[in-house]
N, C-alpha and C. Protein backbone atom coordinates (compact mmCIF):
# COMPACT_ATOMS: atom_id res chain seq x y z
N UNK A 1 175.57 94.11 278.28
CA UNK A 1 174.60 94.00 279.54
C UNK A 1 173.67 93.64 279.50
N UNK A 2 173.31 93.22 280.73
CA UNK A 2 172.45 92.83 281.53
C UNK A 2 171.82 93.14 282.74
N UNK A 3 170.48 93.00 283.19
CA UNK A 3 170.07 93.62 283.92
C UNK A 3 169.12 92.38 284.98
N UNK A 4 168.63 92.56 286.20
CA UNK A 4 167.72 91.94 286.75
C UNK A 4 167.66 93.18 288.54
N UNK A 5 166.06 92.90 288.15
CA UNK A 5 165.88 93.85 289.30
C UNK A 5 166.74 95.23 289.76
N UNK A 6 166.80 95.01 290.34
CA UNK A 6 168.21 96.04 290.65
C UNK A 6 169.90 96.42 290.23
N UNK A 7 169.54 95.33 289.74
CA UNK A 7 171.06 94.99 289.16
C UNK A 7 171.69 94.88 287.92
N UNK A 8 172.57 95.89 287.59
CA UNK A 8 173.12 96.02 286.33
C UNK A 8 174.66 96.10 285.63
N UNK A 9 174.37 95.29 285.43
CA UNK A 9 176.05 94.41 284.99
C UNK A 9 176.19 94.93 283.71
N UNK A 10 177.21 95.97 283.95
CA UNK A 10 177.91 96.23 282.25
C UNK A 10 179.23 95.92 282.12
N UNK A 11 179.62 94.79 280.46
CA UNK A 11 180.93 94.96 280.76
C UNK A 11 181.56 95.84 279.40
N UNK A 12 183.24 95.39 279.43
CA UNK A 12 184.00 96.58 278.92
C UNK A 12 184.60 95.20 278.09
N UNK A 13 184.72 94.26 277.31
CA UNK A 13 185.51 93.15 277.44
C UNK A 13 187.72 94.17 276.97
N UNK A 14 187.74 95.29 276.86
CA UNK A 14 188.63 95.89 276.57
C UNK A 14 189.27 96.74 276.94
N UNK A 15 188.65 96.95 278.27
CA UNK A 15 188.90 97.90 278.56
C UNK A 15 190.28 97.87 279.25
N UNK A 16 191.07 99.01 279.61
CA UNK A 16 192.34 99.22 280.43
C UNK A 16 192.10 99.67 282.06
N UNK A 17 192.75 98.67 282.65
CA UNK A 17 192.96 98.26 284.14
C UNK A 17 193.89 98.75 285.15
N UNK A 18 194.67 99.55 285.83
CA UNK A 18 195.90 98.88 286.16
C UNK A 18 197.12 99.37 286.09
N UNK A 19 197.21 99.85 284.90
CA UNK A 19 198.56 99.89 283.52
C UNK A 19 198.16 98.47 282.90
N UNK A 20 197.09 97.99 282.62
CA UNK A 20 197.32 96.25 281.95
C UNK A 20 196.45 96.76 280.74
N UNK A 21 196.82 96.56 279.54
CA UNK A 21 195.80 97.09 278.58
C UNK A 21 194.92 95.85 278.17
N UNK A 22 193.72 95.67 277.34
CA UNK A 22 192.96 94.95 277.25
C UNK A 22 192.71 94.63 278.30
N UNK A 23 192.82 94.70 279.34
CA UNK A 23 192.63 93.94 280.46
C UNK A 23 190.59 92.99 280.16
N UNK A 24 190.06 93.94 280.43
CA UNK A 24 188.42 93.80 280.51
C UNK A 24 187.80 93.27 281.79
N UNK A 25 186.90 94.33 281.68
CA UNK A 25 186.10 94.76 282.97
C UNK A 25 184.32 94.53 283.16
N UNK A 26 183.32 93.59 284.29
CA UNK A 26 182.75 93.61 284.52
C UNK A 26 182.06 94.58 285.75
N UNK A 27 181.80 95.64 285.71
CA UNK A 27 181.17 96.41 286.18
C UNK A 27 179.97 95.83 287.03
N UNK A 28 179.29 95.76 287.86
CA UNK A 28 178.03 95.88 288.81
C UNK A 28 177.85 97.19 289.01
N UNK A 29 176.35 97.71 288.74
CA UNK A 29 175.41 98.66 289.97
C UNK A 29 174.40 98.55 289.78
N UNK A 30 174.19 98.70 290.92
CA UNK A 30 173.03 98.44 291.94
C UNK A 30 171.65 100.21 292.23
N UNK A 31 170.88 99.96 291.66
CA UNK A 31 170.01 100.66 291.44
C UNK A 31 169.65 101.42 293.19
N UNK A 32 169.88 102.35 294.11
CA UNK A 32 169.61 102.71 294.72
C UNK A 32 168.69 104.64 294.87
N UNK A 33 167.18 104.20 295.24
CA UNK A 33 166.59 105.52 294.64
C UNK A 33 166.44 106.04 293.22
N UNK A 34 167.06 106.96 292.49
CA UNK A 34 167.04 107.36 291.27
C UNK A 34 168.54 106.98 290.83
N UNK A 35 169.81 107.04 292.06
CA UNK A 35 170.99 106.11 291.67
C UNK A 35 171.49 104.89 291.01
N UNK A 36 172.31 105.41 290.39
CA UNK A 36 172.96 103.43 290.24
C UNK A 36 174.34 103.52 290.80
N UNK A 37 174.58 103.16 291.60
CA UNK A 37 175.77 103.60 292.10
C UNK A 37 177.00 102.53 291.88
N UNK A 38 178.16 102.63 291.46
CA UNK A 38 178.81 101.21 291.06
C UNK A 38 179.53 100.08 292.14
N UNK A 39 178.99 99.43 292.58
CA UNK A 39 178.95 98.41 293.88
C UNK A 39 180.05 97.10 293.58
N UNK A 40 180.81 96.70 292.18
CA UNK A 40 181.61 95.83 292.27
C UNK A 40 182.24 96.29 290.70
N UNK A 41 183.78 95.92 290.91
CA UNK A 41 183.92 96.13 289.72
C UNK A 41 185.29 94.47 290.07
N UNK A 42 184.73 93.81 288.29
CA UNK A 42 185.47 92.25 288.07
C UNK A 42 186.47 92.18 286.93
N UNK A 43 187.65 92.74 286.94
CA UNK A 43 188.90 92.27 286.37
C UNK A 43 188.76 91.05 285.68
N UNK A 44 189.32 90.51 284.97
CA UNK A 44 189.98 89.52 284.04
C UNK A 44 190.67 88.85 284.87
N UNK A 45 190.75 87.65 284.88
CA UNK A 45 192.48 87.60 285.10
C UNK A 45 193.96 87.63 284.75
N UNK A 46 193.51 87.68 283.25
CA UNK A 46 194.55 88.23 282.62
C UNK A 46 194.07 88.57 280.81
N UNK A 47 194.77 89.93 280.89
CA UNK A 47 194.99 90.32 279.77
C UNK A 47 194.48 89.56 278.22
N UNK A 48 193.59 90.03 276.78
CA UNK A 48 193.23 90.38 275.91
C UNK A 48 192.19 88.75 275.66
N UNK A 49 191.61 88.59 277.08
CA UNK A 49 190.55 87.34 276.69
C UNK A 49 189.85 87.22 276.17
N UNK A 50 189.14 88.97 276.14
CA UNK A 50 187.55 89.21 276.04
C UNK A 50 186.84 88.78 276.93
N UNK A 51 187.30 89.41 278.38
CA UNK A 51 186.62 89.44 279.45
C UNK A 51 185.17 90.30 279.22
N UNK A 52 183.92 89.35 279.29
CA UNK A 52 182.89 90.03 279.24
C UNK A 52 181.90 90.62 277.66
N UNK A 53 182.62 89.35 276.82
CA UNK A 53 182.23 89.11 275.17
C UNK A 53 180.70 89.22 275.60
N UNK A 54 180.43 88.40 276.45
CA UNK A 54 178.73 88.57 276.15
C UNK A 54 178.67 88.27 278.28
N UNK A 55 177.31 88.81 278.91
CA UNK A 55 177.45 88.55 280.58
C UNK A 55 175.13 88.30 280.83
N UNK A 56 175.64 87.01 281.47
CA UNK A 56 174.15 87.29 281.77
C UNK A 56 173.68 87.40 283.16
N UNK A 57 173.01 87.92 283.92
CA UNK A 57 172.88 88.29 284.94
C UNK A 57 171.28 87.79 285.93
N UNK A 58 171.37 87.36 287.14
CA UNK A 58 169.88 86.62 287.62
C UNK A 58 170.09 86.97 289.00
N UNK A 59 169.80 88.04 289.34
CA UNK A 59 169.32 87.97 291.10
C UNK A 59 171.67 87.97 291.49
N UNK A 60 171.87 87.05 292.46
CA UNK A 60 172.68 86.99 292.68
C UNK A 60 174.04 86.31 291.88
N UNK A 61 172.99 85.66 290.84
CA UNK A 61 174.73 84.58 289.83
C UNK A 61 174.66 85.70 288.71
N UNK A 62 176.31 85.72 288.48
CA UNK A 62 176.50 86.09 287.02
C UNK A 62 177.40 85.36 286.57
N UNK A 63 176.95 85.30 284.91
CA UNK A 63 178.03 84.63 284.66
C UNK A 63 178.61 85.29 283.24
N UNK A 64 180.15 85.52 283.05
CA UNK A 64 181.09 86.33 282.32
C UNK A 64 180.98 85.54 281.17
N UNK A 65 181.53 85.25 279.74
CA UNK A 65 181.92 85.07 279.19
C UNK A 65 183.67 85.54 278.44
N UNK A 66 184.18 84.60 277.83
CA UNK A 66 185.44 85.20 278.01
C UNK A 66 186.33 84.68 276.60
N UNK A 67 185.22 84.97 275.33
CA UNK A 67 185.34 84.37 274.36
C UNK A 67 186.37 84.17 273.35
N UNK A 68 187.88 85.10 273.58
CA UNK A 68 189.22 84.55 273.79
C UNK A 68 189.96 83.85 274.28
N UNK A 69 189.95 83.50 275.71
CA UNK A 69 190.23 83.09 276.12
C UNK A 69 191.49 81.85 275.49
N UNK A 70 192.73 82.00 275.81
CA UNK A 70 192.95 80.61 275.85
C UNK A 70 193.21 79.66 277.07
N UNK A 71 193.11 77.86 276.48
CA UNK A 71 193.21 77.34 277.31
C UNK A 71 193.96 76.26 276.68
N UNK A 72 194.61 75.59 277.59
CA UNK A 72 195.94 74.74 277.32
C UNK A 72 196.32 75.00 275.73
N UNK A 73 196.80 76.19 275.63
CA UNK A 73 197.08 76.92 274.56
C UNK A 73 196.42 76.70 273.22
N UNK A 74 195.51 76.53 273.51
CA UNK A 74 194.38 76.47 272.23
C UNK A 74 194.12 78.49 271.94
N UNK A 75 194.05 78.93 270.72
CA UNK A 75 194.27 80.17 271.02
C UNK A 75 192.10 80.62 270.77
N UNK A 76 191.86 81.22 271.76
CA UNK A 76 190.33 81.38 271.29
C UNK A 76 188.94 80.65 271.82
N UNK A 77 189.63 80.09 272.66
CA UNK A 77 188.63 78.27 273.28
C UNK A 77 187.51 79.36 273.69
N UNK A 78 187.85 80.01 274.17
CA UNK A 78 186.71 80.68 275.04
C UNK A 78 186.71 80.09 276.55
N UNK A 79 185.88 80.86 277.03
CA UNK A 79 185.92 80.32 278.83
C UNK A 79 184.28 81.37 279.47
N UNK A 80 183.77 80.37 280.13
CA UNK A 80 182.41 80.91 280.91
C UNK A 80 182.69 81.23 282.08
N UNK A 81 183.03 83.18 282.80
CA UNK A 81 183.38 82.20 284.17
C UNK A 81 181.66 82.98 285.30
N UNK A 82 181.76 81.77 286.49
CA UNK A 82 180.78 82.53 287.04
C UNK A 82 181.16 83.38 288.59
N UNK A 83 180.58 84.24 288.67
CA UNK A 83 180.54 84.80 290.11
C UNK A 83 179.29 84.79 290.29
N UNK A 84 178.89 85.23 292.04
CA UNK A 84 177.92 84.96 293.08
C UNK A 84 178.45 86.53 294.14
N UNK A 85 177.13 87.01 294.50
CA UNK A 85 177.44 88.20 295.49
C UNK A 85 176.41 87.00 296.98
N UNK A 86 177.43 87.94 297.89
CA UNK A 86 177.00 87.29 299.33
C UNK A 86 177.38 88.37 299.80
N UNK A 87 176.14 88.30 300.76
CA UNK A 87 176.05 90.14 301.81
C UNK A 87 177.26 90.91 301.47
N UNK A 88 176.78 91.19 299.88
CA UNK A 88 177.11 92.55 299.52
C UNK A 88 178.27 92.55 298.23
N UNK A 89 179.34 91.12 298.63
CA UNK A 89 180.40 90.95 298.16
C UNK A 89 180.26 90.10 296.83
N UNK A 90 180.45 90.49 295.90
CA UNK A 90 180.36 90.12 294.63
C UNK A 90 182.22 88.95 294.41
N UNK A 91 181.52 87.49 294.12
CA UNK A 91 183.05 86.91 294.25
C UNK A 91 182.78 85.96 293.20
N UNK A 92 184.51 85.08 292.41
CA UNK A 92 184.29 84.62 291.64
C UNK A 92 184.23 82.81 292.59
N UNK A 93 183.20 82.10 291.53
CA UNK A 93 183.00 80.85 292.19
C UNK A 93 183.47 79.68 291.19
N UNK A 94 183.26 80.04 289.39
CA UNK A 94 183.97 78.74 289.29
C UNK A 94 183.68 79.03 287.70
N UNK A 95 184.77 78.27 287.06
CA UNK A 95 184.60 78.29 285.72
C UNK A 95 183.91 77.04 284.41
N UNK A 96 183.32 77.28 283.61
CA UNK A 96 182.49 76.45 282.92
C UNK A 96 183.21 76.20 281.69
N UNK A 97 183.19 75.18 281.46
CA UNK A 97 184.45 74.60 280.19
C UNK A 97 184.07 73.79 279.79
N UNK A 98 183.58 73.11 278.32
CA UNK A 98 183.42 71.67 277.93
C UNK A 98 184.72 71.32 277.93
N UNK A 99 185.17 69.56 277.85
CA UNK A 99 186.18 69.48 277.86
C UNK A 99 186.60 69.10 276.49
N UNK A 100 185.82 69.24 275.73
CA UNK A 100 185.88 69.06 274.42
C UNK A 100 185.94 69.99 273.60
N UNK A 101 185.97 71.33 274.31
CA UNK A 101 185.89 72.39 273.03
C UNK A 101 186.93 72.78 272.05
N UNK A 102 186.17 72.79 270.90
CA UNK A 102 187.43 73.03 269.86
C UNK A 102 187.72 74.63 269.77
N UNK A 103 188.77 75.32 269.22
CA UNK A 103 189.24 76.54 269.81
C UNK A 103 188.94 76.96 268.96
N UNK A 104 188.26 77.21 267.67
CA UNK A 104 187.20 78.12 267.28
C UNK A 104 185.66 78.30 267.21
N UNK A 105 185.02 77.45 268.20
CA UNK A 105 183.95 77.17 268.84
C UNK A 105 182.59 77.97 269.07
N UNK A 106 183.28 79.53 269.63
CA UNK A 106 182.80 80.74 269.43
C UNK A 106 181.72 80.02 270.73
N UNK A 107 182.59 79.66 271.91
CA UNK A 107 181.85 79.10 273.33
C UNK A 107 181.84 80.60 274.27
N UNK A 108 180.47 80.99 274.52
CA UNK A 108 180.44 81.78 274.86
C UNK A 108 180.10 83.25 274.03
N UNK A 109 179.41 82.82 272.80
CA UNK A 109 178.93 84.31 272.72
C UNK A 109 177.80 84.62 272.68
N UNK A 110 176.82 83.85 273.30
CA UNK A 110 175.50 83.96 273.94
C UNK A 110 175.43 83.12 275.21
N UNK A 111 175.01 84.06 276.32
CA UNK A 111 174.49 83.44 277.23
C UNK A 111 172.95 83.87 278.24
N UNK A 112 172.97 83.13 278.75
CA UNK A 112 171.66 82.67 279.89
C UNK A 112 171.57 82.58 281.02
N UNK A 113 171.35 83.28 281.89
CA UNK A 113 171.13 82.41 283.40
C UNK A 113 170.11 82.36 284.21
N UNK A 114 169.72 81.48 285.03
CA UNK A 114 168.44 81.53 285.62
C UNK A 114 168.81 81.13 286.94
N UNK A 115 168.34 81.81 288.25
CA UNK A 115 168.48 81.05 289.17
C UNK A 115 166.98 81.14 289.95
N UNK A 116 166.58 79.86 290.23
CA UNK A 116 165.14 80.27 290.49
C UNK A 116 164.61 78.27 291.21
N UNK A 117 163.48 78.50 291.27
CA UNK A 117 163.26 77.49 292.32
C UNK A 117 164.10 75.53 291.97
N UNK A 118 164.24 75.72 290.47
CA UNK A 118 164.89 74.51 290.09
C UNK A 118 165.97 74.53 290.15
N UNK A 119 166.49 75.54 290.89
CA UNK A 119 168.05 75.00 290.78
C UNK A 119 168.82 76.58 289.41
N UNK A 120 170.25 76.85 290.15
CA UNK A 120 170.58 77.41 288.96
C UNK A 120 171.52 77.08 287.91
N UNK A 121 170.96 77.41 286.52
CA UNK A 121 171.60 76.97 285.29
C UNK A 121 172.47 78.09 284.43
N UNK A 122 173.02 77.56 283.71
CA UNK A 122 173.78 79.19 282.29
C UNK A 122 173.95 78.28 281.42
N UNK A 123 172.83 78.90 280.42
CA UNK A 123 173.18 78.45 278.92
C UNK A 123 174.09 78.88 278.05
N UNK A 124 174.56 78.72 277.67
CA UNK A 124 176.23 79.08 276.80
C UNK A 124 175.82 78.72 275.50
N UNK A 125 175.58 79.62 274.42
CA UNK A 125 176.02 79.63 273.21
C UNK A 125 177.57 79.11 272.55
N UNK A 126 177.71 78.16 272.24
CA UNK A 126 178.88 78.46 271.11
C UNK A 126 178.48 77.71 269.08
N UNK A 127 177.96 78.58 268.67
CA UNK A 127 177.72 78.85 266.96
C UNK A 127 179.07 78.73 266.36
N UNK A 128 179.76 78.51 266.16
CA UNK A 128 181.15 77.69 265.26
C UNK A 128 181.05 76.25 265.58
N UNK A 129 180.39 75.37 266.56
CA UNK A 129 180.79 74.55 266.71
C UNK A 129 180.49 73.48 265.65
N UNK A 130 180.86 71.85 265.36
CA UNK A 130 180.48 71.18 264.38
C UNK A 130 179.84 71.97 263.29
N UNK A 131 181.31 72.73 262.51
CA UNK A 131 181.08 73.01 261.30
C UNK A 131 180.35 74.42 261.31
N UNK A 132 180.07 74.76 261.80
CA UNK A 132 178.54 76.11 262.29
C UNK A 132 177.49 75.30 262.39
N UNK A 133 177.05 74.49 262.65
CA UNK A 133 175.87 74.00 263.25
C UNK A 133 175.38 74.60 264.52
N UNK A 134 176.62 74.66 265.79
CA UNK A 134 175.83 75.76 266.50
C UNK A 134 175.51 74.49 267.71
N UNK A 135 175.43 75.22 269.07
CA UNK A 135 175.15 73.96 269.93
C UNK A 135 174.81 75.55 271.40
N UNK A 136 174.23 74.37 272.27
CA UNK A 136 173.87 75.30 273.47
C UNK A 136 174.09 74.21 274.57
N UNK A 137 174.82 74.18 275.69
CA UNK A 137 175.65 74.10 276.28
C UNK A 137 174.77 74.80 277.99
N UNK A 138 174.39 73.34 278.37
CA UNK A 138 172.97 73.83 279.86
C UNK A 138 174.38 73.34 280.91
N UNK A 139 174.56 74.41 281.79
CA UNK A 139 175.32 74.16 283.18
C UNK A 139 174.66 74.13 284.44
N UNK A 140 174.72 73.35 285.16
CA UNK A 140 173.22 73.26 286.25
C UNK A 140 174.39 73.08 287.77
N UNK A 141 174.12 74.19 288.61
CA UNK A 141 174.55 73.97 290.30
C UNK A 141 174.17 73.20 291.09
N UNK A 142 174.31 71.96 291.48
CA UNK A 142 174.71 71.36 292.18
C UNK A 142 174.07 71.52 293.69
N UNK A 143 173.48 70.82 294.71
CA UNK A 143 173.15 71.18 295.82
C UNK A 143 174.80 71.36 296.49
N UNK A 144 175.49 70.47 296.10
CA UNK A 144 177.06 70.41 296.61
C UNK A 144 177.73 72.00 296.83
N UNK A 145 177.47 72.51 295.53
CA UNK A 145 178.04 73.70 295.41
C UNK A 145 178.61 73.98 293.84
N UNK A 146 179.02 72.62 293.30
CA UNK A 146 179.37 72.58 292.29
C UNK A 146 178.96 72.34 290.77
N UNK A 147 179.37 72.81 290.18
CA UNK A 147 178.64 73.05 288.63
C UNK A 147 178.89 72.06 287.77
N UNK A 148 177.78 71.32 286.95
CA UNK A 148 178.00 70.05 286.09
C UNK A 148 177.33 70.90 284.84
N UNK A 149 178.33 69.92 283.83
CA UNK A 149 177.90 70.36 281.86
C UNK A 149 176.33 69.28 282.45
N UNK A 150 174.88 69.99 282.15
CA UNK A 150 173.60 69.26 282.76
C UNK A 150 173.37 68.35 280.93
N UNK A 151 173.83 69.16 279.83
CA UNK A 151 173.45 68.76 278.96
C UNK A 151 174.13 69.89 277.61
N UNK A 152 174.72 69.41 276.44
CA UNK A 152 174.73 69.91 275.39
C UNK A 152 173.67 70.10 273.97
N UNK A 153 172.72 71.07 273.82
CA UNK A 153 171.93 70.41 272.55
C UNK A 153 172.18 71.40 271.47
N UNK A 154 171.52 70.27 270.85
CA UNK A 154 171.05 71.65 269.41
C UNK A 154 169.79 70.30 268.49
N UNK A 155 168.96 71.36 267.59
CA UNK A 155 167.89 70.31 266.90
C UNK A 155 167.98 69.38 266.43
N UNK A 156 167.43 68.99 266.35
CA UNK A 156 167.39 67.33 265.32
C UNK A 156 167.38 67.66 263.74
N UNK A 157 167.73 67.13 263.16
CA UNK A 157 167.84 67.67 261.56
C UNK A 157 168.71 68.74 261.03
N UNK A 158 169.49 69.44 262.40
CA UNK A 158 169.56 70.56 262.04
C UNK A 158 170.79 71.13 261.52
N UNK A 159 171.37 71.55 260.32
CA UNK A 159 172.34 71.27 259.67
C UNK A 159 173.68 72.11 259.38
N UNK A 160 174.83 71.81 259.51
CA UNK A 160 176.08 72.76 259.67
C UNK A 160 175.97 74.16 258.64
N UNK A 161 176.15 75.30 259.50
CA UNK A 161 175.78 76.99 259.29
C UNK A 161 175.01 77.30 259.27
N UNK A 162 174.18 76.62 260.32
CA UNK A 162 172.90 77.11 260.67
C UNK A 162 173.49 77.87 262.11
N UNK A 163 174.11 78.34 262.49
CA UNK A 163 174.34 79.06 264.12
C UNK A 163 173.50 79.50 264.96
N UNK A 164 173.45 77.81 265.04
CA UNK A 164 172.05 77.70 266.29
C UNK A 164 172.98 78.58 267.90
N UNK A 165 172.38 79.09 268.51
CA UNK A 165 173.10 79.49 269.88
C UNK A 165 173.41 80.37 269.57
N UNK A 166 173.78 81.27 268.74
CA UNK A 166 173.95 82.91 268.96
C UNK A 166 172.74 83.99 269.77
N UNK A 167 171.35 83.12 269.88
CA UNK A 167 170.70 83.87 271.45
C UNK A 167 170.50 82.80 272.22
N UNK A 168 170.46 83.27 273.22
CA UNK A 168 169.45 81.75 274.28
C UNK A 168 169.01 82.62 275.16
N UNK A 169 168.09 81.85 275.64
CA UNK A 169 166.91 82.35 277.03
C UNK A 169 166.98 80.97 277.76
N UNK A 170 166.77 81.24 278.90
CA UNK A 170 166.71 79.79 279.41
C UNK A 170 165.79 80.74 281.22
N UNK A 171 164.72 80.08 281.65
CA UNK A 171 163.65 80.24 282.65
C UNK A 171 163.26 78.96 283.28
N UNK A 172 163.50 78.43 284.40
CA UNK A 172 162.88 77.50 285.09
C UNK A 172 163.50 76.79 284.18
N UNK A 173 162.40 75.80 283.76
CA UNK A 173 162.15 74.05 282.84
C UNK A 173 162.62 74.54 281.01
N UNK A 174 161.89 76.41 281.31
CA UNK A 174 162.08 76.25 279.36
C UNK A 174 163.70 77.31 278.90
N UNK A 175 163.83 76.54 277.81
CA UNK A 175 164.89 76.93 277.15
C UNK A 175 164.80 77.07 275.51
N UNK A 176 164.83 78.64 274.93
CA UNK A 176 165.16 78.77 273.85
C UNK A 176 166.12 79.32 273.46
N UNK A 177 166.19 78.41 271.83
CA UNK A 177 167.46 79.48 271.71
C UNK A 177 167.33 79.35 269.73
N UNK A 178 167.91 80.55 269.47
CA UNK A 178 168.48 80.74 268.24
C UNK A 178 169.05 80.64 267.06
N UNK A 179 168.73 79.73 265.53
CA UNK A 179 169.22 79.93 264.91
C UNK A 179 169.60 80.66 263.15
N UNK A 180 170.16 81.66 263.63
CA UNK A 180 170.04 82.60 262.32
C UNK A 180 169.83 82.54 261.02
N UNK A 181 170.86 81.33 260.80
CA UNK A 181 170.78 80.80 259.42
C UNK A 181 169.99 79.33 258.85
N UNK A 182 169.37 79.11 260.15
CA UNK A 182 168.59 78.08 259.77
C UNK A 182 167.71 78.57 258.67
N UNK A 183 166.79 77.11 257.95
CA UNK A 183 165.44 77.35 256.88
C UNK A 183 165.99 78.34 255.91
N UNK A 184 167.11 78.22 255.09
CA UNK A 184 167.67 79.30 253.90
C UNK A 184 167.78 80.76 254.54
N UNK A 185 168.42 80.36 255.82
CA UNK A 185 169.16 81.76 256.34
C UNK A 185 167.87 83.02 256.60
N UNK A 186 166.33 82.27 256.51
CA UNK A 186 165.26 82.63 257.75
C UNK A 186 165.42 82.75 259.11
N UNK A 187 166.24 82.16 259.83
CA UNK A 187 166.14 81.99 260.90
C UNK A 187 164.89 81.35 261.26
N UNK A 188 165.37 80.94 262.23
CA UNK A 188 164.48 79.48 263.75
C UNK A 188 164.72 79.93 265.32
N UNK A 189 163.97 79.51 266.03
CA UNK A 189 163.91 79.40 266.78
C UNK A 189 163.20 78.22 267.81
N UNK A 190 164.39 77.26 268.43
CA UNK A 190 163.97 76.45 269.22
C UNK A 190 163.60 76.24 270.41
N UNK A 191 162.50 75.48 270.79
CA UNK A 191 162.37 75.21 271.92
C UNK A 191 162.82 74.16 272.70
N UNK A 192 163.40 73.62 273.68
CA UNK A 192 163.40 72.83 274.73
C UNK A 192 162.79 72.96 276.09
N UNK A 193 162.49 71.62 276.25
CA UNK A 193 161.81 71.63 278.01
C UNK A 193 162.62 70.69 278.50
N UNK A 194 162.45 70.99 280.31
CA UNK A 194 163.26 70.09 281.07
C UNK A 194 162.39 69.18 281.70
N UNK A 195 162.45 67.97 281.85
CA UNK A 195 161.77 66.75 281.88
C UNK A 195 162.46 65.67 282.91
N UNK A 196 162.24 64.40 283.18
CA UNK A 196 162.34 63.87 284.00
C UNK A 196 163.12 62.74 283.19
N UNK A 197 163.07 63.03 281.38
CA UNK A 197 164.85 62.86 280.56
C UNK A 197 165.65 63.56 280.00
N UNK A 198 165.29 64.35 281.40
CA UNK A 198 166.19 65.90 280.73
C UNK A 198 166.06 67.07 280.10
N UNK A 199 166.43 67.37 279.14
CA UNK A 199 166.12 68.34 277.95
C UNK A 199 165.69 68.03 276.79
N UNK A 200 164.32 68.21 276.59
CA UNK A 200 163.99 67.33 274.97
C UNK A 200 163.31 68.73 274.27
N UNK A 201 164.15 68.54 273.11
CA UNK A 201 163.57 69.56 271.84
C UNK A 201 161.65 69.75 272.18
N UNK A 202 161.06 70.72 272.16
CA UNK A 202 159.57 70.83 271.96
C UNK A 202 159.08 70.95 270.40
N UNK A 203 158.74 70.14 269.96
CA UNK A 203 158.33 69.98 268.06
C UNK A 203 156.38 70.28 268.22
N UNK A 204 156.72 70.80 266.76
CA UNK A 204 155.31 71.62 266.02
C UNK A 204 153.75 70.70 266.42
């Protein structure tokens, strides 16, 4: 689940709906005084995709991961779907998926969304990419309304098995991401900043 102001997104990745088993649903609740009525139900386009494996909500922007989604026949390649609220209606907007994604990259295992003065961005963790080194993909929504891959990030010198991208957070020009098995399995958190040269790792 994720909370943004008076809005709450709750995912049920294996929920049955309308007679379809394991369809997966994300529900949006919005606070009204002391109650939280359901305002939107966003089902998967097809069953057994893990729709709602992770979610990220910021204002009217919602990112939903489908870890088990098959793309071009690849089992479990994964995908991230973008929804947006306008006039009280939540609607599908776009799909975010890198062109070279591997079948076992675990793309979407962690999500973060930011809708602010610097534009709409979504950070997506893919912990099994590059022999479990892991990566974080950063997507940006252009003024035209299209989403583009802005960067694929990983810390300099990080090795296979570090599982970078297990947790991500993004706020304006700052991004943090964890690598749970880095530094002899003690774990690390790395910071990146957005500047004139794009996303750059912040060093101690």
